[in-house]
Amino acid sequence: EVQLVESGGGLVQPGKSLILSCTVSGLSFTQYAFGWFRQAPGKEREGVSCISWTSGRYYGKSVVGRFTTSRDNAKNTVTLQMNDLEPEDTAMYYCAAHPYNYCAPSWATDLSGLVWGRGTQVTVSS
């Protein structure tokens, strides 16, 4: 059974940092690219980042320069380092396995074939 389990969410003040982790099991980790997505109430799911099997990285426009994604192929984990958080970053964050090992140009918008975790809530508020 394929499982993606997110952790690390919580309540944080604006300007602070948070690290999300995604632990993956049930698939051959190095054969997949992994993405982080987020969804705020009343909004569509938004692509945050994508990391390929060779650690090529891509980011959504709203987080570039503030968020960094990485992967540990030995530990089957994907992380999202979030710095300088803003209230607009408040959302449920989801980890997802893409159905290929690279980040396609449509990585942020084509949600077909993705395998999802259950999500972790991030709330940015003073």
N, C-alpha and C. Protein backbone atom coordinates (compact mmCIF):
# COMPACT_ATOMS: atom_id res chain seq x y z
N GLU A 1 0.84 -1.20 0.00
CA GLU A 1 0.00 0.00 0.00
C GLU A 1 0.87 1.25 0.00
N VAL A 2 0.60 2.15 -0.92
CA VAL A 2 1.34 3.40 -1.00
C VAL A 2 0.82 4.37 0.06
N GLN A 3 1.74 4.93 0.84
CA GLN A 3 1.36 5.90 1.85
C GLN A 3 2.29 7.10 1.81
N LEU A 4 1.70 8.27 1.90
CA LEU A 4 2.44 9.51 2.07
C LEU A 4 1.88 10.18 3.32
N VAL A 5 2.73 10.41 4.30
CA VAL A 5 2.29 10.95 5.58
C VAL A 5 3.02 12.26 5.85
N GLU A 6 2.24 13.33 5.91
CA GLU A 6 2.80 14.65 6.18
C GLU A 6 2.85 14.91 7.67
N SER A 7 3.82 15.72 8.07
CA SER A 7 3.94 16.15 9.46
C SER A 7 4.61 17.51 9.51
N GLY A 8 4.50 18.17 10.66
CA GLY A 8 5.19 19.43 10.86
C GLY A 8 4.33 20.67 10.80
N GLY A 9 3.07 20.52 10.48
CA GLY A 9 2.21 21.70 10.43
C GLY A 9 1.92 22.25 11.81
N GLY A 10 1.29 23.42 11.82
CA GLY A 10 0.95 24.03 13.10
C GLY A 10 0.65 25.50 12.95
N LEU A 11 0.58 26.17 14.10
CA LEU A 11 0.33 27.61 14.14
C LEU A 11 1.65 28.34 14.29
N VAL A 12 1.88 29.34 13.45
CA VAL A 12 3.14 30.07 13.46
C VAL A 12 2.85 31.55 13.20
N GLN A 13 3.68 32.42 13.76
CA GLN A 13 3.50 33.85 13.57
C GLN A 13 4.04 34.30 12.21
N PRO A 14 3.50 35.37 11.67
CA PRO A 14 4.04 35.90 10.41
C PRO A 14 5.53 36.21 10.53
N GLY A 15 6.25 35.90 9.46
CA GLY A 15 7.69 36.12 9.44
C GLY A 15 8.51 34.96 9.95
N LYS A 16 7.87 34.01 10.59
CA LYS A 16 8.58 32.85 11.14
C LYS A 16 8.71 31.74 10.11
N SER A 17 9.36 30.65 10.54
CA SER A 17 9.62 29.53 9.65
C SER A 17 8.97 28.25 10.16
N LEU A 18 8.79 27.31 9.23
CA LEU A 18 8.22 26.02 9.56
C LEU A 18 8.76 25.00 8.57
N ILE A 19 8.97 23.77 9.03
CA ILE A 19 9.43 22.70 8.15
C ILE A 19 8.38 21.60 8.11
N LEU A 20 7.92 21.27 6.91
CA LEU A 20 7.02 20.14 6.72
C LEU A 20 7.81 18.94 6.21
N SER A 21 7.40 17.76 6.65
CA SER A 21 8.03 16.53 6.18
C SER A 21 6.96 15.60 5.61
N CYS A 22 7.38 14.79 4.66
CA CYS A 22 6.51 13.80 4.05
C CYS A 22 7.28 12.48 4.01
N THR A 23 6.77 11.49 4.71
CA THR A 23 7.39 10.17 4.74
C THR A 23 6.62 9.27 3.78
N VAL A 24 7.36 8.63 2.88
CA VAL A 24 6.75 7.86 1.80
C VAL A 24 7.07 6.38 1.96
N SER A 25 6.07 5.55 1.73
CA SER A 25 6.29 4.10 1.76
C SER A 25 5.42 3.45 0.70
N GLY A 26 5.81 2.23 0.32
CA GLY A 26 5.00 1.47 -0.62
C GLY A 26 5.28 1.71 -2.08
N LEU A 27 6.30 2.51 -2.40
CA LEU A 27 6.68 2.69 -3.79
C LEU A 27 8.20 2.88 -3.86
N SER A 28 8.72 2.75 -5.08
CA SER A 28 10.16 2.90 -5.27
C SER A 28 10.48 4.39 -5.32
N PHE A 29 10.96 4.91 -4.21
CA PHE A 29 11.04 6.35 -3.98
C PHE A 29 11.79 7.09 -5.08
N THR A 30 12.91 6.55 -5.53
CA THR A 30 13.75 7.28 -6.49
C THR A 30 13.15 7.32 -7.89
N GLN A 31 12.06 6.61 -8.12
CA GLN A 31 11.44 6.61 -9.44
C GLN A 31 10.32 7.64 -9.56
N TYR A 32 10.19 8.50 -8.55
CA TYR A 32 9.09 9.46 -8.55
C TYR A 32 9.58 10.87 -8.24
N ALA A 33 8.91 11.81 -8.88
CA ALA A 33 9.01 13.20 -8.45
C ALA A 33 7.93 13.43 -7.40
N PHE A 34 8.19 14.37 -6.51
CA PHE A 34 7.24 14.65 -5.44
C PHE A 34 6.91 16.14 -5.39
N GLY A 35 5.66 16.39 -5.10
CA GLY A 35 5.21 17.78 -5.04
C GLY A 35 4.57 18.10 -3.70
N TRP A 36 4.57 19.38 -3.40
CA TRP A 36 3.78 19.92 -2.30
C TRP A 36 2.71 20.82 -2.92
N PHE A 37 1.51 20.65 -2.43
CA PHE A 37 0.38 21.46 -2.85
C PHE A 37 -0.29 22.02 -1.61
N ARG A 38 -1.08 23.05 -1.79
CA ARG A 38 -1.82 23.59 -0.65
C ARG A 38 -3.21 24.02 -1.09
N GLN A 39 -4.12 24.02 -0.15
CA GLN A 39 -5.48 24.43 -0.44
C GLN A 39 -6.05 25.17 0.76
N ALA A 40 -6.42 26.42 0.52
CA ALA A 40 -7.06 27.23 1.53
C ALA A 40 -8.58 27.12 1.37
N PRO A 41 -9.33 27.37 2.42
CA PRO A 41 -10.79 27.28 2.33
C PRO A 41 -11.34 28.16 1.22
N GLY A 42 -12.17 27.57 0.37
CA GLY A 42 -12.80 28.32 -0.70
C GLY A 42 -11.92 28.57 -1.92
N LYS A 43 -10.71 28.02 -1.90
CA LYS A 43 -9.79 28.23 -3.02
C LYS A 43 -9.41 26.89 -3.66
N GLU A 44 -8.90 26.98 -4.90
CA GLU A 44 -8.45 25.78 -5.58
C GLU A 44 -7.10 25.31 -5.03
N ARG A 45 -6.84 24.02 -5.23
CA ARG A 45 -5.55 23.49 -4.80
C ARG A 45 -4.44 24.13 -5.64
N GLU A 46 -3.38 24.55 -4.98
CA GLU A 46 -2.29 25.31 -5.61
C GLU A 46 -0.99 24.54 -5.53
N GLY A 47 -0.27 24.48 -6.63
CA GLY A 47 1.03 23.84 -6.63
C GLY A 47 2.07 24.70 -5.93
N VAL A 48 2.75 24.16 -4.95
CA VAL A 48 3.76 24.88 -4.19
C VAL A 48 5.16 24.57 -4.69
N SER A 49 5.46 23.28 -4.87
CA SER A 49 6.81 22.91 -5.29
C SER A 49 6.79 21.53 -5.92
N CYS A 50 7.85 21.27 -6.67
CA CYS A 50 8.07 19.94 -7.24
C CYS A 50 9.56 19.66 -7.19
N ILE A 51 9.91 18.41 -6.84
CA ILE A 51 11.31 18.00 -6.85
C ILE A 51 11.42 16.70 -7.61
N SER A 52 12.32 16.67 -8.58
CA SER A 52 12.50 15.48 -9.41
C SER A 52 13.39 14.46 -8.71
N TRP A 53 13.57 13.31 -9.35
CA TRP A 53 14.38 12.26 -8.73
C TRP A 53 15.85 12.66 -8.64
N THR A 54 16.27 13.60 -9.48
CA THR A 54 17.64 14.11 -9.43
C THR A 54 17.73 15.41 -8.63
N SER A 55 16.62 15.74 -7.91
CA SER A 55 16.55 16.94 -7.07
C SER A 55 16.50 18.23 -7.85
N GLY A 56 16.03 18.18 -9.11
CA GLY A 56 15.67 19.41 -9.79
C GLY A 56 14.45 20.00 -9.08
N ARG A 57 14.44 21.32 -8.85
CA ARG A 57 13.40 21.94 -8.02
C ARG A 57 12.64 23.02 -8.79
N TYR A 58 11.36 23.09 -8.56
CA TYR A 58 10.49 24.08 -9.19
C TYR A 58 9.51 24.58 -8.13
N TYR A 59 9.14 25.86 -8.25
CA TYR A 59 8.30 26.47 -7.23
C TYR A 59 7.17 27.29 -7.84
N GLY A 60 6.08 27.39 -7.09
CA GLY A 60 5.01 28.29 -7.47
C GLY A 60 5.45 29.73 -7.27
N LYS A 61 4.86 30.63 -8.03
CA LYS A 61 5.28 32.03 -8.01
C LYS A 61 5.12 32.67 -6.64
N SER A 62 4.11 32.24 -5.90
CA SER A 62 3.83 32.89 -4.62
C SER A 62 4.80 32.49 -3.52
N VAL A 63 5.62 31.46 -3.74
CA VAL A 63 6.52 30.99 -2.69
C VAL A 63 7.99 31.05 -3.09
N VAL A 64 8.28 31.34 -4.35
CA VAL A 64 9.67 31.34 -4.80
C VAL A 64 10.48 32.33 -3.97
N GLY A 65 11.65 31.88 -3.55
CA GLY A 65 12.52 32.71 -2.73
C GLY A 65 12.27 32.57 -1.23
N ARG A 66 11.14 31.98 -0.86
CA ARG A 66 10.81 31.79 0.56
C ARG A 66 10.77 30.32 0.96
N PHE A 67 10.34 29.46 0.05
CA PHE A 67 10.21 28.02 0.34
C PHE A 67 11.30 27.25 -0.39
N THR A 68 11.75 26.16 0.24
CA THR A 68 12.73 25.27 -0.36
C THR A 68 12.30 23.83 -0.13
N THR A 69 12.29 23.04 -1.20
CA THR A 69 11.96 21.63 -1.06
C THR A 69 13.23 20.79 -1.23
N SER A 70 13.28 19.67 -0.55
CA SER A 70 14.42 18.76 -0.67
C SER A 70 13.93 17.34 -0.48
N ARG A 71 14.79 16.40 -0.81
CA ARG A 71 14.45 14.99 -0.64
C ARG A 71 15.64 14.22 -0.12
N ASP A 72 15.36 13.18 0.64
CA ASP A 72 16.39 12.28 1.15
C ASP A 72 16.05 10.89 0.62
N ASN A 73 16.76 10.47 -0.42
CA ASN A 73 16.44 9.20 -1.06
C ASN A 73 16.78 8.00 -0.18
N ALA A 74 17.60 8.19 0.83
CA ALA A 74 17.93 7.10 1.75
C ALA A 74 16.85 6.91 2.81
N LYS A 75 16.15 8.00 3.12
CA LYS A 75 15.13 7.95 4.18
C LYS A 75 13.70 8.00 3.64
N ASN A 76 13.58 8.09 2.31
CA ASN A 76 12.25 8.17 1.69
C ASN A 76 11.42 9.32 2.24
N THR A 77 12.06 10.47 2.36
CA THR A 77 11.36 11.64 2.87
C THR A 77 11.53 12.84 1.94
N VAL A 78 10.53 13.67 1.95
CA VAL A 78 10.53 14.93 1.21
C VAL A 78 10.21 16.03 2.22
N THR A 79 10.93 17.12 2.16
CA THR A 79 10.69 18.21 3.11
C THR A 79 10.37 19.51 2.39
N LEU A 80 9.71 20.39 3.10
CA LEU A 80 9.41 21.72 2.60
C LEU A 80 9.78 22.71 3.70
N GLN A 81 10.86 23.44 3.49
CA GLN A 81 11.29 24.48 4.40
C GLN A 81 10.57 25.77 4.01
N MET A 82 9.81 26.31 4.93
CA MET A 82 9.02 27.51 4.64
C MET A 82 9.53 28.65 5.52
N ASN A 83 10.05 29.68 4.89
CA ASN A 83 10.57 30.85 5.60
C ASN A 83 9.71 32.07 5.33
N ASP A 84 9.84 33.05 6.21
CA ASP A 84 9.14 34.32 6.05
C ASP A 84 7.65 34.10 5.74
N LEU A 85 7.03 33.29 6.57
CA LEU A 85 5.63 32.93 6.33
C LEU A 85 4.70 34.13 6.43
N GLU A 86 3.67 34.11 5.61
CA GLU A 86 2.68 35.18 5.54
C GLU A 86 1.29 34.60 5.86
N PRO A 87 0.38 35.43 6.32
CA PRO A 87 -0.98 34.91 6.57
C PRO A 87 -1.59 34.24 5.33
N GLU A 88 -1.20 34.72 4.14
CA GLU A 88 -1.71 34.13 2.90
C GLU A 88 -1.20 32.71 2.66
N ASP A 89 -0.22 32.27 3.44
CA ASP A 89 0.28 30.90 3.33
C ASP A 89 -0.58 29.92 4.13
N THR A 90 -1.54 30.42 4.86
CA THR A 90 -2.42 29.55 5.65
C THR A 90 -3.21 28.64 4.72
N ALA A 91 -3.08 27.33 4.96
CA ALA A 91 -3.75 26.35 4.10
C ALA A 91 -3.49 24.96 4.64
N MET A 92 -4.18 23.98 4.06
CA MET A 92 -3.82 22.58 4.27
C MET A 92 -2.76 22.26 3.22
N TYR A 93 -1.67 21.68 3.67
CA TYR A 93 -0.56 21.34 2.78
C TYR A 93 -0.54 19.83 2.55
N TYR A 94 -0.43 19.47 1.28
CA TYR A 94 -0.45 18.07 0.88
C TYR A 94 0.84 17.69 0.16
N CYS A 95 1.33 16.53 0.47
CA CYS A 95 2.44 15.92 -0.26
C CYS A 95 1.83 15.00 -1.32
N ALA A 96 2.47 14.93 -2.49
CA ALA A 96 1.94 14.08 -3.56
C ALA A 96 3.07 13.47 -4.37
N ALA A 97 2.87 12.25 -4.81
CA ALA A 97 3.80 11.58 -5.71
C ALA A 97 3.31 11.76 -7.13
N HIS A 98 4.15 12.35 -7.98
CA HIS A 98 3.79 12.49 -9.39
C HIS A 98 3.95 11.14 -10.09
N PRO A 99 3.22 10.91 -11.18
CA PRO A 99 3.30 9.62 -11.87
C PRO A 99 4.50 9.50 -12.80
N TYR A 100 5.58 10.23 -12.54
CA TYR A 100 6.81 10.17 -13.32
C TYR A 100 7.94 10.67 -12.43
N ASN A 101 9.19 10.54 -12.88
CA ASN A 101 10.32 10.90 -12.01
C ASN A 101 10.87 12.30 -12.27
N TYR A 102 10.19 13.07 -13.11
CA TYR A 102 10.64 14.43 -13.39
C TYR A 102 9.47 15.39 -13.15
N CYS A 103 9.78 16.66 -13.10
CA CYS A 103 8.74 17.68 -12.91
C CYS A 103 8.33 18.20 -14.29
N ALA A 104 7.18 17.77 -14.73
CA ALA A 104 6.68 18.21 -16.03
C ALA A 104 6.33 19.70 -15.99
N PRO A 105 6.29 20.34 -17.15
CA PRO A 105 5.90 21.77 -17.17
C PRO A 105 4.55 22.02 -16.51
N SER A 106 3.70 21.02 -16.53
CA SER A 106 2.36 21.17 -15.94
C SER A 106 2.28 20.62 -14.52
N TRP A 107 3.45 20.54 -13.84
CA TRP A 107 3.46 19.89 -12.53
C TRP A 107 2.49 20.53 -11.54
N ALA A 108 2.28 21.84 -11.66
CA ALA A 108 1.46 22.55 -10.68
C ALA A 108 -0.03 22.47 -10.98
N THR A 109 -0.39 22.14 -12.23
CA THR A 109 -1.80 22.21 -12.63
C THR A 109 -2.41 20.88 -13.03
N ASP A 110 -1.59 19.93 -13.50
CA ASP A 110 -2.12 18.64 -13.92
C ASP A 110 -2.10 17.71 -12.72
N LEU A 111 -3.27 17.49 -12.12
CA LEU A 111 -3.35 16.69 -10.90
C LEU A 111 -3.71 15.24 -11.18
N SER A 112 -3.80 14.86 -12.44
CA SER A 112 -4.16 13.49 -12.79
C SER A 112 -3.04 12.53 -12.44
N GLY A 113 -3.38 11.42 -11.84
CA GLY A 113 -2.42 10.38 -11.54
C GLY A 113 -1.60 10.59 -10.28
N LEU A 114 -1.80 11.71 -9.60
CA LEU A 114 -1.04 11.93 -8.37
C LEU A 114 -1.56 11.06 -7.24
N VAL A 115 -0.65 10.65 -6.37
CA VAL A 115 -1.00 9.93 -5.15
C VAL A 115 -0.80 10.91 -4.00
N TRP A 116 -1.83 11.07 -3.18
CA TRP A 116 -1.84 12.13 -2.18
C TRP A 116 -1.68 11.62 -0.76
N GLY A 117 -1.07 12.47 0.07
CA GLY A 117 -1.16 12.28 1.50
C GLY A 117 -2.43 12.93 2.02
N ARG A 118 -2.64 12.84 3.34
CA ARG A 118 -3.87 13.39 3.92
C ARG A 118 -3.76 14.86 4.27
N GLY A 119 -2.56 15.37 4.30
CA GLY A 119 -2.38 16.78 4.53
C GLY A 119 -2.03 17.14 5.96
N THR A 120 -1.45 18.32 6.11
CA THR A 120 -1.14 18.88 7.42
C THR A 120 -1.47 20.37 7.38
N GLN A 121 -2.11 20.85 8.43
CA GLN A 121 -2.60 22.23 8.44
C GLN A 121 -1.49 23.19 8.86
N VAL A 122 -1.36 24.27 8.11
CA VAL A 122 -0.45 25.36 8.46
C VAL A 122 -1.28 26.62 8.62
N THR A 123 -1.16 27.25 9.77
CA THR A 123 -1.88 28.48 10.04
C THR A 123 -0.88 29.56 10.43
N VAL A 124 -0.89 30.65 9.68
CA VAL A 124 0.02 31.77 9.95
C VAL A 124 -0.81 32.93 10.48
N SER A 125 -0.60 33.23 11.74
CA SER A 125 -1.40 34.25 12.39
C SER A 125 -0.68 34.79 13.60
N SER A 126 -0.90 36.07 13.88
CA SER A 126 -0.33 36.67 15.08
C SER A 126 -1.29 36.54 16.25
